[in-house]
Protein backbone atom coordinates (compact mmCIF):
# COMPACT_ATOMS: atom_id res chain seq x y z
CA MET A 1 0.00 0.00 0.00
CA ILE A 2 1.18 3.52 -0.80
CA ASP A 3 0.25 5.93 2.00
CA VAL A 4 0.28 9.63 1.08
CA ALA A 5 -0.15 12.46 3.59
CA MET A 6 -0.98 15.81 2.06
CA GLU A 7 -2.09 19.34 2.91
CA MET A 8 -5.07 19.97 0.64
CA GLU A 9 -6.74 23.23 -0.40
CA GLN A 10 -10.04 22.36 -2.07
CA TYR A 11 -12.01 25.18 -3.65
CA ASP A 12 -15.40 23.51 -3.13
CA CYS A 13 -15.08 22.27 0.46
CA PRO A 14 -17.34 23.90 3.11
CA PHE A 15 -14.91 23.13 5.93
CA ILE A 16 -11.90 24.68 4.22
CA ASP A 17 -13.87 27.78 3.21
CA THR A 18 -15.12 28.19 6.79
CA THR A 19 -11.65 27.91 8.37
CA ASP A 20 -10.35 30.37 5.79
CA ASP A 21 -12.77 33.02 7.06
CA HIS A 22 -13.11 32.13 10.76
CA ASP A 23 -10.79 30.99 13.58
CA VAL A 24 -12.24 27.49 13.88
CA SER A 25 -10.87 24.01 13.19
CA PHE A 26 -12.54 20.70 12.36
CA THR A 27 -11.33 17.19 13.17
CA ALA A 28 -13.11 14.14 11.74
CA VAL A 29 -14.37 11.61 14.26
CA HIS A 30 -16.30 9.48 11.76
CA TRP A 31 -16.84 9.60 8.00
CA GLN A 32 -18.82 7.59 5.46
CA PHE A 33 -19.22 8.14 1.73
CA ASP A 34 -22.45 7.21 -0.05
CA GLY A 35 -21.52 6.12 -3.57
CA VAL A 36 -25.12 6.37 -4.80
CA SER A 37 -25.96 9.88 -3.65
CA LYS A 38 -22.31 11.06 -3.97
CA GLU A 39 -22.43 12.53 -0.47
CA LEU A 40 -20.00 12.43 2.45
CA GLU A 41 -21.43 12.09 5.95
CA THR A 42 -19.13 13.13 8.78
CA ARG A 43 -19.12 13.66 12.52
CA LEU A 44 -16.62 16.28 13.52
CA ALA A 45 -15.16 17.94 16.59
CA VAL A 46 -15.09 21.72 16.18
CA GLU A 47 -12.77 24.08 18.07
CA GLY A 48 -13.10 27.87 18.01
CA GLU A 49 -10.68 30.51 19.22
CA SER A 50 -13.65 31.94 21.14
CA ARG A 51 -17.36 31.30 21.57
CA THR A 52 -18.06 34.06 19.09
CA GLU A 53 -15.75 32.54 16.48
CA LEU A 54 -17.33 29.13 17.06
CA GLU A 55 -20.85 30.50 16.54
CA GLN A 56 -19.86 32.46 13.45
CA GLY A 57 -18.00 29.48 12.01
CA LEU A 58 -20.95 27.13 12.51
CA THR A 59 -23.31 29.64 10.89
CA ALA A 60 -20.99 30.04 7.89
CA LEU A 61 -20.69 26.27 7.57
CA GLN A 62 -24.47 25.80 7.57
CA ASP A 63 -24.89 28.49 4.90
CA HIS A 64 -22.26 27.07 2.51
CA ASP A 65 -23.48 26.13 -0.98
CA ASN A 66 -22.07 22.61 -0.76
CA MET A 67 -23.54 21.84 2.68
CA ARG A 68 -26.52 19.46 2.45
CA GLU A 69 -27.14 18.88 6.16
CA CYS A 70 -25.56 20.25 9.33
CA SER A 71 -26.79 19.41 12.83
CA LEU A 72 -25.37 20.09 16.28
CA PHE A 73 -24.81 17.20 18.70
CA SER A 74 -23.31 19.14 21.60
CA LYS A 75 -21.65 22.45 22.40
CA ARG A 76 -19.62 23.61 25.37
CA GLY A 77 -17.60 26.79 25.52
CA GLU A 78 -15.45 27.05 22.39
CA SER A 79 -16.02 23.40 21.38
CA ALA A 80 -18.79 21.53 19.58
CA VAL A 81 -19.56 18.20 17.95
CA ILE A 82 -21.53 18.23 14.71
CA ARG A 83 -22.90 15.90 12.03
CA THR A 84 -22.71 17.02 8.42
CA ILE A 85 -23.50 15.82 4.92
CA ILE A 86 -21.74 17.52 2.00
CA GLY A 87 -21.72 16.93 -1.72
CA GLN A 88 -18.76 15.20 -3.32
CA THR A 89 -15.88 17.60 -3.91
CA ASN A 90 -13.64 17.50 -6.97
CA ALA A 91 -10.72 16.07 -4.96
CA MET A 92 -12.91 13.35 -3.47
CA LYS A 93 -14.11 12.38 -6.96
CA VAL A 94 -10.58 12.22 -8.39
CA ILE A 95 -9.33 10.00 -5.57
CA ARG A 96 -12.36 7.68 -5.74
CA ASP A 97 -12.20 7.46 -9.55
CA HIS A 98 -8.61 6.22 -9.27
CA GLY A 99 -9.44 3.67 -6.58
CA GLY A 100 -7.85 5.64 -3.73
CA TYR A 101 -9.15 5.47 -0.18
CA ILE A 102 -8.93 7.46 3.05
CA THR A 103 -6.60 5.82 5.59
CA GLY A 104 -6.89 8.24 8.51
CA PRO A 105 -8.97 11.06 10.00
CA PHE A 106 -8.66 14.50 8.44
CA HIS A 107 -8.04 17.81 10.18
CA ILE A 108 -9.01 21.20 8.74
CA GLU A 109 -7.56 24.51 9.95
CA ASP A 110 -6.46 27.85 8.47
CA GLY A 111 -7.88 27.13 5.02
CA SER A 112 -6.24 23.75 4.44
CA GLU A 113 -6.99 20.12 5.20
CA ARG A 114 -4.64 17.29 6.11
CA TRP A 115 -5.48 14.09 4.27
CA GLU A 116 -4.15 10.55 4.66
CA VAL A 117 -4.82 8.69 1.41
CA GLY A 118 -3.96 5.12 0.37
CA PHE A 119 -3.31 3.56 -3.04
CA ASP A 120 -2.56 -0.02 -4.04
CA GLU A 121 0.13 0.82 -6.62
CA GLU A 122 2.77 3.50 -7.14
CA ARG A 123 1.52 4.18 -10.67
CA VAL A 124 -2.03 4.77 -9.43
CA ALA A 125 -0.78 7.18 -6.79
CA ASP A 126 1.23 9.12 -9.41
CA ASP A 127 -1.74 9.34 -11.79
CA THR A 128 -4.07 10.50 -9.01
CA LEU A 129 -1.76 13.24 -7.79
CA SER A 130 -1.33 14.43 -11.37
CA ASP A 131 -5.10 14.68 -11.88
CA LEU A 132 -5.58 16.40 -8.52
CA GLU A 133 -3.32 19.26 -9.63
CA ARG A 134 -5.82 20.34 -12.29
CA ASN A 135 -8.42 21.76 -9.88
CA ASN A 136 -6.82 21.68 -6.44
CA GLU A 137 -3.73 22.90 -4.64
CA PHE A 138 -1.91 20.54 -2.31
CA THR A 139 1.47 19.73 -0.81
CA VAL A 140 2.60 16.14 -0.28
CA GLU A 141 3.93 16.01 3.28
CA SER A 142 5.00 12.37 3.20
CA ARG A 143 4.76 9.29 0.99
CA GLU A 144 5.44 5.78 2.27
CA SER A 145 5.24 2.31 0.81
CA LEU A 146 3.93 -0.10 3.44
CA GLY A 147 4.79 -3.80 3.11
CA THR A 148 2.82 -6.76 4.44
CA ASP A 149 4.64 -6.85 7.79
CA GLU A 150 4.02 -3.16 8.37
CA LEU A 151 0.34 -3.46 7.47
CA PHE A 152 -0.13 -6.34 9.89
CA ASP A 153 1.70 -4.35 12.57
CA LEU A 154 -0.72 -1.46 12.04
CA LEU A 155 -3.73 -3.76 12.20
CA GLU A 156 -2.55 -5.60 15.32
CA ASN A 157 -1.81 -2.33 17.11
CA ALA A 158 -4.85 -0.37 15.95
CA GLU A 159 -6.07 0.09 19.52
CA PRO A 160 -2.92 1.78 20.90
CA ALA A 161 -2.73 3.82 17.69
CA MET A 162 -6.26 5.06 18.32
CA THR A 163 -5.30 5.85 21.90
CA LEU A 164 -2.47 8.09 20.66
CA LEU A 165 -4.83 9.66 18.14
CA GLU A 166 -7.35 10.42 20.88
CA GLY A 167 -4.57 12.07 22.85
CA CYS A 168 -3.92 14.40 19.91
CA ARG A 169 -7.64 15.10 19.56
CA ASP A 170 -7.86 15.94 23.27
CA LEU A 171 -5.55 18.89 22.72
CA SER A 172 -7.12 22.29 22.35
CA SER A 173 -5.99 24.44 19.43
CA VAL A 174 -3.93 26.56 21.85
CA GLU A 175 -2.25 23.50 23.39
CA ARG A 176 -1.57 22.01 19.95
CA GLU A 177 -0.03 25.23 18.66
CA THR A 178 2.03 25.71 21.82
CA LEU A 179 3.48 22.18 21.67
CA SER A 180 4.18 22.46 17.93
CA THR A 181 5.97 25.78 18.36
CA ALA A 182 7.96 24.46 21.33
CA VAL A 183 9.18 21.52 19.22
CA ASP A 184 9.95 23.72 16.19
CA LYS A 185 11.93 26.20 18.32
CA GLY A 186 13.93 23.46 20.08
CA TYR A 187 12.44 23.88 23.55
CA PHE A 188 12.69 20.13 24.22
CA GLU A 189 16.25 19.80 22.89
CA ASP A 190 19.34 19.50 25.07
CA PRO A 191 20.61 22.17 25.23
CA ARG A 192 17.36 24.01 24.70
CA GLY A 193 16.97 26.15 21.63
CA ALA A 194 14.18 28.17 23.24
CA THR A 195 13.11 29.29 26.70
CA LEU A 196 9.70 29.83 28.25
CA GLN A 197 10.23 33.56 27.79
CA SER A 198 11.01 33.24 24.08
CA LEU A 199 7.96 31.01 23.61
CA ALA A 200 5.86 33.52 25.51
CA ASP A 201 7.09 36.22 23.13
CA GLU A 202 5.95 34.08 20.17
CA PHE A 203 2.37 34.11 21.51
CA ASP A 204 2.51 37.55 23.12
CA ILE A 205 1.54 36.14 26.52
CA SER A 206 3.30 35.75 29.89
CA ASP A 207 5.82 32.96 30.50
CA THR A 208 3.46 31.67 33.22
CA ALA A 209 0.62 31.36 30.70
CA VAL A 210 2.75 29.58 28.09
CA SER A 211 4.08 27.23 30.79
CA LYS A 212 0.51 26.30 31.77
CA ASN A 213 -0.42 25.64 28.13
CA LEU A 214 2.64 23.42 27.72
CA ARG A 215 1.98 21.45 30.90
CA ARG A 216 -1.67 20.87 30.03
CA GLY A 217 -0.74 19.64 26.57
CA GLU A 218 2.09 17.46 27.86
CA ARG A 219 -0.17 15.83 30.49
CA LYS A 220 -2.79 14.91 27.90
CA VAL A 221 -0.29 13.46 25.43
CA VAL A 222 1.90 11.61 27.98
CA ARG A 223 -1.15 10.06 29.65
CA ARG A 224 -2.23 8.59 26.30
CA ILE A 225 1.32 7.45 25.48
CA VAL A 226 1.57 5.48 28.73
CA GLN A 227 -1.86 3.94 28.06
CA ALA A 228 -0.82 3.00 24.50
CA LEU A 229 2.44 1.42 25.71
CA GLY A 230 0.44 -0.92 27.90
CA ASP A 231 -1.69 -2.02 24.92
CA LEU A 232 1.13 -2.55 22.40
CA GLU A 233 1.47 -6.04 20.88
């Protein structure tokens, strides 16, 4: 199997358009494509920078031309869980027409969407990416060829993998951004390439505030890592 991770900018996707205009993000919890109606049903976790941004983002999503159905399951503070049905986008059609398939949950933020897509052959993957370029913009972040042993390893350890995934989903957008910036700036290196003060300057907040964001994020991720280690085959 050829596994391709890409940052996708679709021009006909309600989620991408919404995150382009509002400070909200979407993470897929469940997805199912109906080949007859050519519709994608999803359940998504939504995070807003504020309650106002969340409300405005949800309203914009509901009003999008390619949104067929949008219903709210729950909402608390700056977070919500929704169910949606959208029409098939051009990128979805290209991937399906070439026999490609989604291999992991997608995350949408700041006008782009991270996709994990699988193909059975290198040639098919090449042809699909070539066709995608006609009506979409994307960047291939990684491309791996998985052998039989690796596939079985993934299948046997699906539960701990999901545990790690849930740990990532537990992170708020602030915690996710803080951890990502800390890694990029070398905060966890030895010697450190960044200090709490320099990280605080990146976010224009106090070093106490950035320290709290880091600790909250670290606790969530480490807790899931320890749980996953116990479940590994």
